[in-house]
Amino acid sequence: MTEITLSAEIRKTGKSASNQLRRAGKIPGIYYAPGEEPLPIAVKESELKNLIYTTEAHIVKLKLNNGKEFQCILKDVEFDPVTDKPIHFDLYGLKAGARITLEVPIVLVGKAPGVEKGGIIEHLLHTVEVECSSDAIPEHIEVDISKLDIGDSIHVRDLNIPGVRILENELAVVVAIVPPRGFEVEAEAKPEEAQPSTPSQPEKQSE
């Protein structure tokens, strides 16, 4: 898995201090790990964006201004509801061999036959929450769509990654090939209508 280096500084806590950091182009965050005291930190917004806006999961090499270094993952990001800019983040420290949960991106591979027929790809699940060893974190999960025709779909239950437990609802749809607007399924041939029978003439009785 790719490792990204993130330089951070120990910060003061409090709303006023956090707002001052944001005005200076920095994002307040927290580093925490089992058995360790949480560390309030801050990083440059430009550096954090490289970690947030990516199609891969990464291990973070956190380098603090006090000389300490930690291996961690990005656990959570809070965004401003108006500007959609990151305003806070959480980093979770890794311990060798420990089981962790995290979000892993889904990447579609292959060409779906249904698309060549005019179908449209609906990629409904872009990330999945998984549980795995900290030593075997997948960068992403590949989903092969090369056998999908119009009307076909792949669900969470269809994903199988050795050593990784997927925590999402197994019935959730990951990707589907839907028909284009105006697409009509060929109607079944109607059975031939039976010809109306000619009413039988009543028998003429002899006088």
Foldseek 3Di string as FASTA:
>chain_A
DAEAEFEKEQFDDDPVRLVVQVVVQKAWEWEDEPPDDITIIIGHQVSVCVQVPDQWWHWYFYAYPVGDTFTWGWADFDADPPPRRTRYTYTYGADAFDKDKHKGFEDEDADAPQVVVVWDKDQPDGIFIKIATPVDDGGHFYDYRHHAHAPDFAFLLNGDDPRMGTDDDRRHTRMHTHHDPPDDDDDDDDPDDDDDDDDDDDDDDDD
